[in-house]
Amino acid sequence: MVNLNFYSACPNPELTVGVERHSDGCMLIVLVQDDIGGLYVKIGEHALPENEVWVEIPPVHGALVINVGDSLQVNL
């Protein structure tokens, strides 16, 4: 199954809120980047909330970001 979403550019980006931190339950997420950015990833899988470190992924216009979702994750 494939699910595709397209979010058009917001005419007032200063009014956007974004999405709370979350985990993606699917297998793979393919994101096409723009010039705006705003994607962060958590470093350290099992960090306590007070010790979480979030790193911004710098935008590269037209680049693809591939996220591995929860259903593809393997715990060793």
Protein backbone atom coordinates (compact mmCIF):
# COMPACT_ATOMS: atom_id res chain seq x y z
CA MET A 1 0.00 0.00 0.00
CA VAL A 2 1.22 3.48 -0.84
CA ASN A 3 -0.09 6.67 0.74
CA LEU A 4 0.86 9.96 -0.91
CA ASN A 5 0.41 13.39 0.66
CA PHE A 6 1.09 16.74 -0.93
CA TYR A 7 1.16 19.87 1.17
CA SER A 8 1.13 23.01 -0.95
CA ALA A 9 3.10 26.06 0.12
CA CYS A 10 1.44 28.10 2.85
CA PRO A 11 0.81 31.70 1.78
CA ASN A 12 1.56 32.83 5.38
CA PRO A 13 4.33 30.53 6.69
CA GLU A 14 4.79 32.70 9.78
CA LEU A 15 1.34 31.50 10.90
CA THR A 16 2.11 27.78 10.67
CA VAL A 17 2.38 25.68 13.81
CA GLY A 18 3.97 22.44 12.61
CA VAL A 19 3.58 18.97 14.05
CA GLU A 20 4.35 17.79 17.57
CA ARG A 21 7.17 15.29 17.97
CA HIS A 22 5.95 11.91 16.86
CA SER A 23 6.99 8.55 15.51
CA ASP A 24 6.01 7.36 12.03
CA GLY A 25 4.26 4.00 12.13
CA CYS A 26 4.70 3.08 8.47
CA MET A 27 7.71 1.43 6.81
CA LEU A 28 9.34 4.21 4.80
CA ILE A 29 8.72 7.91 4.48
CA VAL A 30 10.09 9.77 1.46
CA LEU A 31 10.18 13.55 1.86
CA VAL A 32 10.99 15.94 -0.98
CA GLN A 33 12.68 18.94 0.58
CA ASP A 34 12.09 22.57 -0.23
CA ASP A 35 13.89 25.73 0.87
CA ILE A 36 11.90 26.12 4.10
CA GLY A 37 13.10 23.17 6.17
CA GLY A 38 11.79 22.43 9.64
CA LEU A 39 12.57 18.71 9.81
CA TYR A 40 14.17 17.56 13.07
CA VAL A 41 15.27 14.06 14.12
CA LYS A 42 15.86 12.73 17.62
CA ILE A 43 19.32 11.39 18.34
CA GLY A 44 19.41 8.54 20.83
CA GLU A 45 16.52 6.09 20.58
CA HIS A 46 16.04 5.48 24.30
CA ALA A 47 16.79 8.92 25.71
CA LEU A 48 14.62 10.16 28.53
CA PRO A 49 12.51 13.18 27.54
CA GLU A 50 14.70 15.54 29.56
CA ASN A 51 17.83 14.17 27.80
CA GLU A 52 16.50 14.14 24.24
CA VAL A 53 18.66 15.79 21.60
CA TRP A 54 16.91 16.99 18.45
CA VAL A 55 18.96 17.89 15.36
CA GLU A 56 17.63 19.97 12.46
CA ILE A 57 18.03 18.47 9.01
CA PRO A 58 19.17 21.37 6.82
CA PRO A 59 17.01 21.76 3.71
CA VAL A 60 18.54 20.97 0.32
CA HIS A 61 16.07 22.03 -2.35
CA GLY A 62 14.82 19.00 -4.31
CA ALA A 63 16.67 16.46 -2.16
CA LEU A 64 14.92 13.32 -0.91
CA VAL A 65 14.96 12.46 2.78
CA ILE A 66 14.23 8.79 3.52
CA ASN A 67 12.92 8.06 7.02
CA VAL A 68 12.67 4.51 8.33
CA GLY A 69 9.33 4.11 10.07
CA ASP A 70 8.44 2.06 13.14
CA SER A 71 7.21 -1.00 11.22
CA LEU A 72 10.64 -1.42 9.56
CA GLN A 73 12.65 -0.86 12.76
CA VAL A 74 14.48 -3.86 14.17
CA ASN A 75 15.35 -3.98 17.86
CA LEU A 76 18.55 -5.87 18.57
